[in-house]
Amino acid sequence: MTATSQLLAKMRPEEIVAADLIDRATQIAIDLAIGGLILIVTLWASRWLSTLARAAVGRMTRHVPPDATLQTFIGSAVRYIVIVVGLVAVLQQLGVKTTSILAVLGAASLAVGLALQGALSNVAAGVMILALRPYRVGDVIETMGRVGTVRALDLFVTELTTADNLKIIIPNAKVFGDVIVNKSAHERRRVDAVFRIPITVDLAGYTAALKARAAADPRIMTDAEPVVEITSMAEAWVEGAVRVWTAPHDHPAVMADLLLAARMLAAGQEPLPPPALPKPNPPAPAKGRKSGLRSLRSRRKAEPDHP
């Protein structure tokens, strides 16, 4: 007989049970301590990696202002992934068979996914919007027949605020499946103010006066002079357009002023003076999605001369 067998033979049954309980309690305490340590390290690592992911996203978009929504989404995704991995490691340390748990979670996820198809489609569309970034928070967009400023963007919905201060919430699946017009994507926009005047009006004097009125507006860019051109003509009227470049936020006001000036000039009245604002400096040529207008010189070279 071995020494262990001899020792067990000498011990009473209650002593054997007590020793076994002590051994099990010691092992459980050790497992709990290691599991707690793994959990603490997991929580610390999740926060650290989340901060690192946010910083990495900010460095990737250093040429443009960082997208706070994208940074939050990436940081949260990294944090939750690390937490899930850490919890699986804690369960394995405690002796729980994670294979069966993962199978149950997979079946439950499938059932929930089938029940929430619409919500999950919004999540998928939200991920694509965050990845492709057709618009950002603060941009003025037009989608689903609505025009407004993007106030919030998450995985489920996009929140817009209209010019008359209405709050519009649109599911991301509908936004991503529809045409998106981003009116703030470029640093400048062209105003095409279309007018119609009687055929009896002095056309040369009218176009010169309208062009001078447009050039005097301080909200109009100075690197491309205003253009007044005739687009069509009939027996009783002449239709034309004045085209100028301005900042996106000044587009509606400049359009309204030019239309009013065209109407007053056609009636033989003196147009209202433009607002007294500082003359805007032309923005530097931007790269990629921010380039709104090629230089006027290159455009003139590219266009053929018409007789």
Protein backbone atom coordinates (compact mmCIF):
# COMPACT_ATOMS: atom_id res chain seq x y z
CA MET A 1 0.00 0.00 0.00
CA THR A 2 1.11 3.50 -0.75
CA ALA A 3 1.54 6.15 1.90
CA THR A 4 -1.62 7.95 0.72
CA SER A 5 -3.65 4.74 0.95
CA GLN A 6 -2.34 4.03 4.42
CA LEU A 7 -3.14 7.58 5.51
CA LEU A 8 -6.69 7.34 4.15
CA ALA A 9 -7.18 3.99 5.87
CA LYS A 10 -6.30 5.54 9.21
CA MET A 11 -8.63 8.56 8.72
CA ARG A 12 -12.25 8.54 9.69
CA PRO A 13 -14.91 9.12 6.99
CA GLU A 14 -15.81 12.60 8.26
CA GLU A 15 -12.14 13.59 8.12
CA ILE A 16 -11.90 12.42 4.49
CA VAL A 17 -14.99 14.44 3.53
CA ALA A 18 -13.61 17.52 5.33
CA ALA A 19 -10.25 17.22 3.55
CA ASP A 20 -12.00 16.86 0.18
CA LEU A 21 -14.14 19.93 0.88
CA ILE A 22 -11.05 21.91 1.85
CA ASP A 23 -9.30 20.90 -1.38
CA ARG A 24 -12.33 21.84 -3.48
CA ALA A 25 -12.77 25.15 -1.66
CA THR A 26 -9.10 25.95 -2.15
CA GLN A 27 -9.30 25.19 -5.88
CA ILE A 28 -12.50 27.24 -6.24
CA ALA A 29 -10.89 30.16 -4.39
CA ILE A 30 -7.87 29.98 -6.69
CA ASP A 31 -10.11 29.87 -9.78
CA LEU A 32 -12.18 32.79 -8.52
CA ALA A 33 -9.05 34.81 -7.82
CA ILE A 34 -7.65 34.10 -11.29
CA GLY A 35 -11.06 34.81 -12.86
CA GLY A 36 -11.34 38.11 -11.00
CA LEU A 37 -7.84 39.05 -12.12
CA ILE A 38 -8.73 38.20 -15.72
CA LEU A 39 -11.91 40.31 -15.42
CA ILE A 40 -10.01 43.30 -14.03
CA VAL A 41 -7.38 43.04 -16.78
CA THR A 42 -10.17 42.69 -19.37
CA LEU A 43 -11.95 45.86 -18.21
CA TRP A 44 -8.70 47.81 -18.17
CA ALA A 45 -7.68 46.48 -21.58
CA SER A 46 -11.11 47.27 -23.07
CA ARG A 47 -10.87 50.92 -22.03
CA TRP A 48 -7.27 51.24 -23.16
CA LEU A 49 -7.91 49.62 -26.55
CA SER A 50 -11.07 51.69 -27.00
CA THR A 51 -9.09 54.89 -26.45
CA LEU A 52 -6.38 53.63 -28.79
CA ALA A 53 -8.95 52.86 -31.49
CA ARG A 54 -10.48 56.34 -31.19
CA ALA A 55 -7.04 57.91 -31.53
CA ALA A 56 -6.25 55.71 -34.55
CA VAL A 57 -9.46 56.79 -36.29
CA GLY A 58 -8.58 60.42 -35.58
CA ARG A 59 -5.11 59.96 -37.10
CA MET A 60 -6.58 58.27 -40.18
CA THR A 61 -8.72 61.37 -40.85
CA ARG A 62 -6.10 63.99 -40.01
CA HIS A 63 -6.69 65.88 -43.29
CA VAL A 64 -10.33 66.54 -42.35
CA PRO A 65 -12.04 67.11 -38.99
CA PRO A 66 -12.42 63.75 -37.17
CA ASP A 67 -15.86 62.20 -37.24
CA ALA A 68 -16.99 61.94 -33.61
CA THR A 69 -19.71 59.43 -34.50
CA LEU A 70 -17.27 57.09 -36.23
CA GLN A 71 -14.79 57.38 -33.38
CA THR A 72 -17.49 56.52 -30.84
CA PHE A 73 -18.72 53.55 -32.87
CA ILE A 74 -15.24 52.07 -33.41
CA GLY A 75 -14.25 52.63 -29.79
CA SER A 76 -17.43 51.02 -28.45
CA ALA A 77 -17.13 48.05 -30.83
CA VAL A 78 -13.53 47.38 -29.75
CA ARG A 79 -14.46 47.68 -26.08
CA TYR A 80 -17.36 45.24 -26.25
CA ILE A 81 -15.36 42.71 -28.28
CA VAL A 82 -12.59 42.71 -25.68
CA ILE A 83 -15.14 42.37 -22.85
CA VAL A 84 -16.82 39.40 -24.54
CA VAL A 85 -13.47 37.65 -25.05
CA GLY A 86 -12.54 38.31 -21.41
CA LEU A 87 -15.84 36.92 -20.10
CA VAL A 88 -15.35 33.74 -22.13
CA ALA A 89 -11.88 33.38 -20.62
CA VAL A 90 -13.32 33.88 -17.09
CA LEU A 91 -15.95 31.18 -17.67
CA GLN A 92 -13.32 28.76 -18.93
CA GLN A 93 -11.20 29.46 -15.86
CA LEU A 94 -14.20 28.66 -13.63
CA GLY A 95 -14.69 25.34 -15.40
CA VAL A 96 -17.79 26.26 -17.36
CA LYS A 97 -18.04 24.62 -20.77
CA THR A 98 -18.27 27.63 -23.09
CA THR A 99 -19.03 25.50 -26.17
CA SER A 100 -22.59 24.80 -25.08
CA ILE A 101 -23.09 28.43 -23.97
CA LEU A 102 -21.92 29.73 -27.34
CA ALA A 103 -24.26 27.31 -29.10
CA VAL A 104 -27.22 28.55 -27.05
CA LEU A 105 -26.24 32.18 -27.68
CA GLY A 106 -25.95 31.45 -31.39
CA ALA A 107 -29.43 29.97 -31.54
CA ALA A 108 -30.84 32.86 -29.50
CA SER A 109 -29.09 35.37 -31.79
CA LEU A 110 -30.64 33.72 -34.83
CA ALA A 111 -34.12 33.93 -33.31
CA VAL A 112 -33.64 37.56 -32.30
CA GLY A 113 -32.24 38.38 -35.72
CA LEU A 114 -35.28 36.95 -37.47
CA ALA A 115 -37.57 38.90 -35.15
CA LEU A 116 -35.69 42.16 -35.63
CA GLN A 117 -34.93 42.13 -39.34
CA GLY A 118 -35.93 45.76 -39.80
CA ALA A 119 -33.84 46.98 -36.88
CA LEU A 120 -30.83 44.95 -38.01
CA SER A 121 -31.14 46.38 -41.53
CA ASN A 122 -30.94 49.83 -39.96
CA VAL A 123 -27.82 48.76 -38.06
CA ALA A 124 -26.21 47.44 -41.26
CA ALA A 125 -27.08 50.69 -43.06
CA GLY A 126 -25.72 52.69 -40.12
CA VAL A 127 -22.42 50.80 -40.30
CA MET A 128 -22.19 51.51 -44.05
CA ILE A 129 -22.96 55.20 -43.51
CA LEU A 130 -20.28 55.41 -40.84
CA ALA A 131 -17.79 53.62 -43.09
CA LEU A 132 -18.52 55.49 -46.34
CA ARG A 133 -19.42 58.79 -44.62
CA PRO A 134 -21.66 60.35 -47.29
CA TYR A 135 -22.49 62.97 -44.68
CA ARG A 136 -21.39 64.05 -41.22
CA VAL A 137 -23.02 65.67 -38.23
CA GLY A 138 -23.55 69.33 -39.12
CA ASP A 139 -23.95 68.80 -42.89
CA VAL A 140 -27.06 69.97 -44.73
CA ILE A 141 -28.46 67.05 -46.72
CA GLU A 142 -31.51 66.21 -48.78
CA THR A 143 -32.93 62.70 -48.63
CA MET A 144 -36.36 61.08 -48.68
CA GLY A 145 -37.77 64.40 -49.88
CA ARG A 146 -36.53 66.18 -46.75
CA VAL A 147 -33.88 68.88 -46.39
CA GLY A 148 -32.24 69.54 -43.05
CA THR A 149 -29.10 69.73 -40.96
CA VAL A 150 -27.77 66.44 -39.54
CA ARG A 151 -27.93 66.74 -35.77
CA ALA A 152 -27.30 63.13 -34.76
CA LEU A 153 -26.25 59.90 -36.43
CA ASP A 154 -26.22 56.50 -34.75
CA LEU A 155 -26.58 52.88 -35.79
CA PHE A 156 -30.37 53.05 -36.12
CA VAL A 157 -31.54 56.50 -37.21
CA THR A 158 -30.40 59.83 -38.64
CA GLU A 159 -31.82 62.95 -37.01
CA LEU A 160 -32.37 66.08 -39.10
CA THR A 161 -33.40 69.60 -38.14
CA THR A 162 -35.16 71.59 -40.85
CA ALA A 163 -34.88 75.33 -41.48
CA ASP A 164 -38.20 75.88 -39.65
CA ASN A 165 -36.85 73.95 -36.63
CA LEU A 166 -38.65 70.64 -37.16
CA LYS A 167 -37.07 67.45 -35.85
CA ILE A 168 -37.08 64.65 -38.42
CA ILE A 169 -35.90 61.12 -37.60
CA ILE A 170 -35.28 58.82 -40.57
CA PRO A 171 -34.26 55.14 -40.28
CA ASN A 172 -30.79 54.53 -41.66
CA ALA A 173 -32.02 51.80 -44.03
CA LYS A 174 -34.26 54.31 -45.83
CA VAL A 175 -31.53 56.95 -45.94
CA PHE A 176 -28.92 54.56 -47.32
CA GLY A 177 -31.38 53.17 -49.88
CA ASP A 178 -32.36 56.61 -51.18
CA VAL A 179 -30.50 59.35 -53.05
CA ILE A 180 -28.43 61.49 -50.65
CA VAL A 181 -27.69 65.08 -51.68
CA ASN A 182 -25.03 66.62 -49.43
CA LYS A 183 -25.24 70.38 -49.76
CA SER A 184 -22.30 70.96 -47.40
CA ALA A 185 -19.81 68.57 -48.99
CA HIS A 186 -17.92 71.34 -50.80
CA GLU A 187 -16.70 74.69 -49.61
CA ARG A 188 -18.66 76.61 -52.24
CA ARG A 189 -21.87 76.35 -54.22
CA ARG A 190 -23.01 77.94 -57.44
CA VAL A 191 -26.15 80.06 -57.45
CA ASP A 192 -28.17 79.83 -60.69
CA ALA A 193 -30.79 82.60 -60.47
CA VAL A 194 -33.06 82.24 -63.51
CA PHE A 195 -34.98 85.36 -64.62
CA ARG A 196 -37.42 86.26 -67.38
CA ILE A 197 -37.79 89.79 -68.78
CA PRO A 198 -39.91 91.33 -71.54
CA ILE A 199 -38.42 91.41 -75.02
CA THR A 200 -38.63 95.23 -75.02
CA VAL A 201 -36.05 95.63 -72.23
CA ASP A 202 -32.58 96.87 -73.21
CA LEU A 203 -30.80 93.52 -72.94
CA ALA A 204 -27.22 94.87 -72.90
CA GLY A 205 -27.91 97.44 -70.20
CA TYR A 206 -29.97 95.01 -68.17
CA THR A 207 -27.30 92.29 -68.09
CA ALA A 208 -24.59 94.84 -67.26
CA ALA A 209 -26.60 96.24 -64.37
CA LEU A 210 -27.44 92.78 -63.04
CA LYS A 211 -23.81 91.71 -63.28
CA ALA A 212 -22.68 94.84 -61.41
CA ARG A 213 -25.27 94.21 -58.70
CA ALA A 214 -24.03 90.63 -58.28
CA ALA A 215 -20.39 91.70 -58.17
CA ALA A 216 -21.17 94.21 -55.40
CA ASP A 217 -22.52 91.50 -53.08
CA PRO A 218 -19.85 90.70 -50.43
CA ARG A 219 -21.16 87.13 -50.03
CA ILE A 220 -20.13 86.22 -53.58
CA MET A 221 -16.69 84.70 -54.18
CA THR A 222 -14.19 87.01 -55.83
CA ASP A 223 -12.07 84.46 -57.67
CA ALA A 224 -14.78 83.76 -60.28
CA GLU A 225 -16.63 86.81 -61.59
CA PRO A 226 -20.42 86.69 -61.98
CA VAL A 227 -21.78 85.42 -65.27
CA VAL A 228 -25.04 86.65 -66.82
CA GLU A 229 -26.15 84.67 -69.86
CA ILE A 230 -29.24 84.29 -72.02
CA THR A 231 -30.65 80.77 -71.98
CA SER A 232 -33.75 81.06 -74.17
CA MET A 233 -35.81 83.59 -76.12
CA ALA A 234 -39.41 83.84 -77.31
CA GLU A 235 -41.56 86.45 -79.02
CA ALA A 236 -42.56 88.24 -75.83
CA TRP A 237 -39.80 87.46 -73.34
CA VAL A 238 -36.15 86.62 -72.84
CA GLU A 239 -34.98 84.11 -70.24
CA GLY A 240 -31.55 84.18 -68.71
CA ALA A 241 -29.56 83.24 -65.63
CA VAL A 242 -27.02 84.89 -63.40
CA ARG A 243 -24.45 82.43 -62.05
CA VAL A 244 -22.22 83.20 -59.06
CA TRP A 245 -20.29 81.22 -56.46
CA THR A 246 -20.85 81.59 -52.73
CA ALA A 247 -20.50 79.72 -49.46
CA PRO A 248 -23.07 76.93 -48.87
CA HIS A 249 -24.72 78.70 -45.93
CA ASP A 250 -25.20 81.88 -48.02
CA HIS A 251 -26.75 80.09 -51.00
CA PRO A 252 -30.47 80.65 -50.16
CA ALA A 253 -30.03 84.34 -49.26
CA VAL A 254 -27.93 85.12 -52.34
CA MET A 255 -30.46 83.34 -54.56
CA ALA A 256 -33.32 85.39 -53.11
CA ASP A 257 -31.43 88.70 -53.46
CA LEU A 258 -30.46 88.05 -57.07
CA LEU A 259 -34.01 87.08 -58.05
CA LEU A 260 -35.34 90.25 -56.41
CA ALA A 261 -32.70 92.39 -58.10
CA ALA A 262 -33.52 90.84 -61.49
CA ARG A 263 -37.22 91.56 -60.98
CA MET A 264 -36.65 95.18 -59.91
CA LEU A 265 -34.29 95.87 -62.80
CA ALA A 266 -36.81 94.44 -65.24
CA ALA A 267 -39.42 96.87 -63.82
CA GLY A 268 -37.05 99.83 -64.27
CA GLN A 269 -36.42 100.21 -60.53
CA GLU A 270 -33.15 100.53 -58.67
CA PRO A 271 -32.34 97.22 -56.93
CA LEU A 272 -31.85 97.12 -53.18
CA PRO A 273 -28.23 97.51 -52.06
CA PRO A 274 -26.43 94.34 -51.02
CA PRO A 275 -25.86 93.69 -47.30
CA ALA A 276 -22.78 95.28 -45.76
CA LEU A 277 -20.72 92.22 -44.94
CA PRO A 278 -16.96 91.61 -45.08
CA LYS A 279 -15.85 90.25 -48.41
CA PRO A 280 -15.16 86.49 -48.04
CA ASN A 281 -11.75 85.20 -48.99
CA PRO A 282 -11.72 82.48 -51.65
CA PRO A 283 -11.01 79.10 -50.00
CA ALA A 284 -7.80 77.32 -50.87
CA PRO A 285 -8.15 74.52 -53.42
CA ALA A 286 -9.17 71.41 -51.49
CA LYS A 287 -8.46 67.78 -52.25
CA GLY A 288 -10.93 64.98 -52.82
CA ARG A 289 -14.53 65.55 -51.83
CA LYS A 290 -13.92 69.18 -50.82
CA SER A 291 -12.99 70.45 -54.27
CA GLY A 292 -16.02 72.29 -55.54
CA LEU A 293 -14.71 74.33 -58.50
CA ARG A 294 -11.73 74.07 -60.75
CA SER A 295 -9.75 77.22 -61.33
CA LEU A 296 -11.29 79.66 -63.75
CA ARG A 297 -8.11 79.74 -65.80
CA SER A 298 -8.05 75.97 -66.35
CA ARG A 299 -11.73 76.03 -67.24
CA ARG A 300 -11.19 78.72 -69.85
CA LYS A 301 -8.33 76.73 -71.34
CA ALA A 302 -10.42 73.58 -71.46
CA GLU A 303 -13.42 75.25 -73.11
CA PRO A 304 -13.17 75.87 -76.86
CA ASP A 305 -13.69 79.38 -78.16
CA HIS A 306 -17.06 79.96 -79.73
CA PRO A 307 -17.37 82.41 -82.61
